[in-house]
Amino acid sequence: MYDGPILDNHLHLDPVNGRGAEAAAEFAEVGGTHLNVLNKPSWHLVGEVDDADGFRETFDLTVEVTEKADEILPGKAWPVLGVHPALISQLVDRGYDAEAAAELMKTGIDVAAEYVAEGPALAIKSGRPHYDTSDAVWAASNDVMCHAFARGAEVGCAVQLHTEGGEDFTEVAEWAEAEGLPREQVVKHYSNGHVEGPIPSVICDKDELERACGGDWPFFMETDFIDDPDRPGAVMGPKTVPRRTEWLAEEGHSEALYRAHVETPARVYGVDTEATLQ
């Protein structure tokens, strides 16, 4: 049986509208030890953002709630900060053209990189829309994503990606490498059990988790819990990763679980989930 650390690689804690650190307590109650806490989209936390200070306000809220979660967990909670790719659509609807929207989003990425360089944040979040959009918005979004790769390379951190579905992101990994960021520091959030190019952060679907465990590639587990009181279990609840970990252990996947919760975090983020477990 597996008795090591348990990391949810992508979860939201909303201190403004949601349960905040209480959700981290629920995660810990069923055996969870470590969290990567992603900031919610800026418009959910602080409303309209038009400059660097708006992003700082968003990030500060996430850093603060992550610190509270860190006090609760037997392991660690780390903030992962960045700009949700759907912001470009919000900005275009408000009158920005795609290029101007991209420049503002790059400013947000720059601020996130500051939080990594100065200590509180572990990694950067970026990506591109997961829905149909115009060619101009698509191109601008890819430009923002490549900017995130460049800043990740500069400050020495991974980049988590929110993108469309699919399993072949080889081109995206090549873009990261062109900016100086190794592809093993590119993480595909809300992933299937395997993707080409980035490291998959596998949403806790049983079939996809078994697929990941059956291979030899690095992977994470995640819930994408959104901490919305109107949708309390969406996308998956905070107990899911510990419970899926227990189930996978019972199915004989202890070695793969060690890969997901210990080896892959060390490889991608440079963190030691065993040493940080009390």
Protein backbone atom coordinates (compact mmCIF):
# COMPACT_ATOMS: atom_id res chain seq x y z
CA MET A 1 0.00 0.00 0.00
CA TYR A 2 1.09 3.56 -0.66
CA ASP A 3 1.67 5.69 2.44
CA GLY A 4 3.63 8.65 1.07
CA PRO A 5 2.77 12.26 0.26
CA ILE A 6 -0.40 13.11 -1.69
CA LEU A 7 -0.33 16.20 -3.93
CA ASP A 8 -3.25 17.82 -5.74
CA ASN A 9 -1.42 19.64 -8.52
CA HIS A 10 -4.20 22.04 -9.53
CA LEU A 11 -6.84 23.30 -7.12
CA HIS A 12 -8.40 26.70 -6.46
CA LEU A 13 -9.08 28.24 -3.06
CA ASP A 14 -11.31 31.31 -3.22
CA PRO A 15 -11.03 33.54 -0.12
CA VAL A 16 -13.53 36.05 -1.53
CA ASN A 17 -16.49 33.95 -2.66
CA GLY A 18 -15.72 30.39 -1.58
CA ARG A 19 -14.61 28.26 1.33
CA GLY A 20 -10.95 29.19 1.10
CA ALA A 21 -8.67 27.28 3.45
CA GLU A 22 -11.60 25.22 4.78
CA ALA A 23 -11.39 23.21 1.57
CA ALA A 24 -7.74 22.48 2.31
CA ALA A 25 -8.78 21.13 5.71
CA GLU A 26 -11.21 18.78 3.98
CA PHE A 27 -8.38 17.62 1.71
CA ALA A 28 -6.14 16.97 4.72
CA GLU A 29 -8.85 15.10 6.64
CA VAL A 30 -8.81 12.28 4.09
CA GLY A 31 -5.02 12.04 3.80
CA GLY A 32 -4.02 14.86 1.48
CA THR A 33 -0.66 16.43 2.28
CA HIS A 34 0.37 18.92 -0.43
CA LEU A 35 -1.42 21.43 -2.68
CA ASN A 36 -0.57 23.59 -5.64
CA VAL A 37 -3.08 26.42 -5.35
CA LEU A 38 -3.89 28.25 -8.57
CA ASN A 39 -5.30 31.76 -8.50
CA LYS A 40 -8.84 31.95 -9.83
CA PRO A 41 -9.43 34.19 -12.84
CA SER A 42 -8.91 37.81 -11.87
CA TRP A 43 -12.50 38.77 -12.69
CA HIS A 44 -13.75 36.31 -10.06
CA LEU A 45 -11.59 37.80 -7.32
CA VAL A 46 -11.11 41.51 -8.00
CA GLY A 47 -13.24 42.39 -11.02
CA GLU A 48 -11.84 44.20 -14.04
CA VAL A 49 -8.04 44.40 -14.28
CA ASP A 50 -6.27 47.02 -16.40
CA ASP A 51 -2.76 47.20 -14.96
CA ALA A 52 -0.11 45.40 -12.93
CA ASP A 53 -1.69 46.42 -9.61
CA GLY A 54 -4.87 44.54 -10.47
CA PHE A 55 -2.88 41.37 -10.99
CA ARG A 56 -0.97 41.95 -7.76
CA GLU A 57 -4.26 42.22 -5.88
CA THR A 58 -5.39 38.91 -7.39
CA PHE A 59 -2.11 37.20 -6.57
CA ASP A 60 -1.92 38.57 -3.03
CA LEU A 61 -5.33 37.08 -2.24
CA THR A 62 -4.14 33.70 -3.50
CA VAL A 63 -0.83 33.87 -1.63
CA GLU A 64 -2.67 34.70 1.60
CA VAL A 65 -5.17 31.84 1.35
CA THR A 66 -2.36 29.46 0.37
CA GLU A 67 -0.45 30.44 3.51
CA LYS A 68 -3.53 29.59 5.56
CA ALA A 69 -3.80 26.23 3.82
CA ASP A 70 -0.11 25.63 4.46
CA GLU A 71 -0.72 25.95 8.20
CA ILE A 72 -3.39 23.26 8.00
CA LEU A 73 -1.63 20.66 5.88
CA PRO A 74 0.86 18.09 7.16
CA GLY A 75 2.93 18.96 4.09
CA LYS A 76 3.04 22.19 2.09
CA ALA A 77 0.83 24.40 -0.04
CA TRP A 78 2.37 26.44 -2.84
CA PRO A 79 0.83 29.23 -4.93
CA VAL A 80 0.92 28.91 -8.71
CA LEU A 81 0.15 32.32 -10.19
CA GLY A 82 -0.66 33.66 -13.60
CA VAL A 83 -3.24 34.86 -16.08
CA HIS A 84 -6.21 32.77 -17.12
CA PRO A 85 -6.20 32.59 -20.93
CA ALA A 86 -9.91 33.44 -21.12
CA LEU A 87 -9.04 36.95 -19.93
CA ILE A 88 -8.25 37.85 -23.53
CA SER A 89 -11.91 37.37 -24.45
CA GLN A 90 -13.01 39.47 -21.49
CA LEU A 91 -10.68 42.26 -22.61
CA VAL A 92 -11.71 42.10 -26.26
CA ASP A 93 -15.35 42.32 -25.18
CA ARG A 94 -14.43 45.46 -23.25
CA GLY A 95 -12.91 47.12 -26.31
CA TYR A 96 -9.27 46.02 -26.33
CA ASP A 97 -7.88 44.73 -29.61
CA ALA A 98 -6.17 41.33 -29.42
CA GLU A 99 -2.63 42.72 -29.38
CA ALA A 100 -3.37 45.24 -26.63
CA ALA A 101 -5.09 42.54 -24.58
CA ALA A 102 -2.05 40.32 -25.01
CA GLU A 103 0.26 43.08 -23.79
CA LEU A 104 -1.80 43.49 -20.62
CA MET A 105 -1.77 39.73 -20.07
CA LYS A 106 2.01 39.71 -20.51
CA THR A 107 2.15 42.32 -17.76
CA GLY A 108 0.28 39.87 -15.53
CA ILE A 109 2.76 37.13 -16.41
CA ASP A 110 5.62 39.49 -15.56
CA VAL A 111 4.06 40.14 -12.15
CA ALA A 112 3.63 36.39 -11.56
CA ALA A 113 7.30 35.89 -12.43
CA GLU A 114 8.19 38.47 -9.78
CA TYR A 115 6.31 36.42 -7.19
CA VAL A 116 8.30 33.35 -8.23
CA ALA A 117 11.62 35.18 -8.17
CA GLU A 118 10.92 36.75 -4.79
CA GLY A 119 9.79 33.53 -3.14
CA PRO A 120 6.10 33.02 -2.44
CA ALA A 121 5.09 31.39 -5.76
CA LEU A 122 6.22 28.03 -7.10
CA ALA A 123 5.30 28.33 -10.78
CA ILE A 124 3.49 30.35 -13.45
CA LYS A 125 0.09 29.72 -15.02
CA SER A 126 -0.68 30.56 -18.65
CA GLY A 127 -2.20 28.93 -21.74
CA ARG A 128 -4.64 29.66 -24.53
CA PRO A 129 -8.44 29.51 -24.92
CA HIS A 130 -10.06 26.09 -24.78
CA TYR A 131 -12.91 27.34 -26.99
CA ASP A 132 -13.23 28.56 -30.58
CA THR A 133 -12.00 32.09 -31.10
CA SER A 134 -10.76 34.41 -33.83
CA ASP A 135 -7.41 33.95 -35.56
CA ALA A 136 -6.21 37.22 -34.02
CA VAL A 137 -7.10 36.14 -30.49
CA TRP A 138 -5.55 32.70 -31.06
CA ALA A 139 -2.29 34.19 -32.30
CA ALA A 140 -2.17 36.71 -29.47
CA SER A 141 -2.85 33.96 -26.93
CA ASN A 142 0.02 31.86 -28.26
CA ASP A 143 2.22 34.94 -27.98
CA VAL A 144 1.24 35.35 -24.31
CA MET A 145 1.93 31.66 -23.67
CA CYS A 146 5.40 31.89 -25.22
CA HIS A 147 6.06 34.97 -23.09
CA ALA A 148 5.21 32.86 -20.04
CA PHE A 149 7.71 30.23 -21.21
CA ALA A 150 10.39 32.90 -21.53
CA ARG A 151 9.70 34.29 -18.08
CA GLY A 152 9.58 30.79 -16.59
CA ALA A 153 12.99 30.11 -18.10
CA GLU A 154 14.29 33.41 -16.75
CA VAL A 155 13.19 32.81 -13.15
CA GLY A 156 13.70 29.03 -13.25
CA CYS A 157 10.18 27.70 -12.80
CA ALA A 158 7.61 25.49 -14.47
CA VAL A 159 4.59 26.77 -16.38
CA GLN A 160 1.16 25.19 -15.96
CA LEU A 161 -1.00 25.44 -19.07
CA HIS A 162 -4.76 25.82 -19.40
CA THR A 163 -5.50 24.91 -23.03
CA GLU A 164 -7.90 23.12 -25.32
CA GLY A 165 -8.23 19.36 -25.00
CA GLY A 166 -6.16 16.86 -26.92
CA GLU A 167 -3.11 14.69 -26.51
CA ASP A 168 -0.52 16.10 -28.94
CA PHE A 169 1.10 19.28 -27.67
CA THR A 170 4.52 18.59 -29.16
CA GLU A 171 4.55 21.96 -30.91
CA VAL A 172 3.82 23.76 -27.64
CA ALA A 173 6.69 21.92 -25.93
CA GLU A 174 8.96 22.94 -28.80
CA TRP A 175 7.91 26.57 -28.36
CA ALA A 176 8.85 26.32 -24.69
CA GLU A 177 12.25 24.89 -25.53
CA ALA A 178 12.80 27.69 -28.04
CA GLU A 179 12.27 30.15 -25.17
CA GLY A 180 14.75 28.27 -22.97
CA LEU A 181 12.26 26.31 -20.85
CA PRO A 182 12.73 22.52 -20.82
CA ARG A 183 9.63 20.63 -21.90
CA GLU A 184 9.62 18.75 -18.60
CA GLN A 185 8.81 22.07 -16.96
CA VAL A 186 5.68 22.49 -19.08
CA VAL A 187 2.60 20.99 -17.41
CA LYS A 188 -0.69 20.32 -19.21
CA HIS A 189 -3.45 21.03 -16.70
CA TYR A 190 -6.71 19.03 -16.98
CA SER A 191 -4.94 16.35 -18.95
CA ASN A 192 -5.78 12.90 -20.15
CA GLY A 193 -3.63 10.07 -18.88
CA HIS A 194 -0.97 10.75 -21.50
CA VAL A 195 0.00 13.68 -23.69
CA GLU A 196 2.85 14.22 -26.13
CA GLY A 197 5.14 17.11 -25.21
CA PRO A 198 4.27 18.47 -21.75
CA ILE A 199 3.92 16.64 -18.44
CA PRO A 200 0.28 15.58 -17.94
CA SER A 201 -1.57 16.77 -14.85
CA VAL A 202 -4.28 14.15 -14.99
CA ILE A 203 -7.82 15.04 -14.00
CA CYS A 204 -9.01 12.37 -11.57
CA ASP A 205 -11.02 10.27 -14.01
CA LYS A 206 -10.47 6.63 -13.06
CA ASP A 207 -9.82 5.41 -16.60
CA GLU A 208 -7.30 8.16 -17.33
CA LEU A 209 -5.54 7.64 -13.99
CA GLU A 210 -5.19 3.93 -14.71
CA ARG A 211 -3.80 4.80 -18.12
CA ALA A 212 -1.21 7.10 -16.54
CA CYS A 213 -0.29 4.51 -13.92
CA GLY A 214 0.13 1.88 -16.61
CA GLY A 215 2.84 3.84 -18.41
CA ASP A 216 6.33 4.91 -17.42
CA TRP A 217 6.01 8.66 -17.97
CA PRO A 218 5.87 11.34 -15.24
CA PHE A 219 2.44 12.64 -14.32
CA PHE A 220 0.50 14.53 -11.66
CA MET A 221 -3.00 14.12 -10.26
CA GLU A 222 -5.45 17.02 -9.94
CA THR A 223 -9.06 17.95 -9.24
CA ASP A 224 -9.34 21.48 -10.66
CA PHE A 225 -11.59 22.18 -7.65
CA ILE A 226 -12.96 25.68 -8.28
CA ASP A 227 -14.27 26.58 -4.79
CA ASP A 228 -17.57 28.01 -5.99
CA PRO A 229 -20.39 27.91 -3.40
CA ASP A 230 -22.94 27.64 -6.22
CA ARG A 231 -21.13 24.55 -7.55
CA PRO A 232 -19.69 22.91 -4.40
CA GLY A 233 -18.23 19.81 -6.04
CA ALA A 234 -16.98 21.36 -9.27
CA VAL A 235 -14.86 20.36 -11.06
CA MET A 236 -14.04 17.66 -8.52
CA GLY A 237 -14.15 18.01 -4.76
CA PRO A 238 -11.02 18.46 -2.61
CA LYS A 239 -11.24 14.90 -1.26
CA THR A 240 -10.88 13.36 -4.69
CA VAL A 241 -7.09 13.07 -5.07
CA PRO A 242 -6.59 11.35 -1.68
CA ARG A 243 -9.48 8.99 -2.37
CA ARG A 244 -8.28 8.19 -5.88
CA THR A 245 -4.79 7.64 -4.49
CA GLU A 246 -6.17 5.11 -1.99
CA TRP A 247 -8.11 3.35 -4.74
CA LEU A 248 -5.09 3.21 -7.04
CA ALA A 249 -2.98 1.80 -4.23
CA GLU A 250 -5.56 -0.93 -3.69
CA GLU A 251 -5.33 -1.66 -7.42
CA GLY A 252 -1.59 -2.24 -7.08
CA HIS A 253 -0.25 1.07 -8.42
CA SER A 254 1.95 2.13 -5.49
CA GLU A 255 5.04 2.66 -7.67
CA ALA A 256 3.10 4.91 -10.05
CA LEU A 257 1.70 6.87 -7.10
CA TYR A 258 5.23 7.49 -5.84
CA ARG A 259 6.03 8.77 -9.32
CA ALA A 260 3.03 11.13 -9.29
CA HIS A 261 3.36 12.47 -5.75
CA VAL A 262 7.14 12.43 -5.16
CA GLU A 263 9.26 11.96 -8.29
CA THR A 264 7.34 14.19 -10.68
CA PRO A 265 7.05 17.17 -8.27
CA ALA A 266 10.80 16.94 -7.71
CA ARG A 267 11.49 16.71 -11.44
CA VAL A 268 9.17 19.52 -12.53
CA TYR A 269 9.10 21.96 -9.61
CA GLY A 270 12.24 21.06 -7.66
CA VAL A 271 10.27 20.36 -4.46
CA ASP A 272 10.70 17.46 -2.03
CA THR A 273 7.28 16.32 -0.93
CA GLU A 274 8.76 13.71 1.41
CA ALA A 275 11.10 16.10 3.23
CA THR A 276 8.28 18.65 3.62
CA LEU A 277 5.94 16.08 5.16
CA GLN A 278 5.81 16.36 8.93
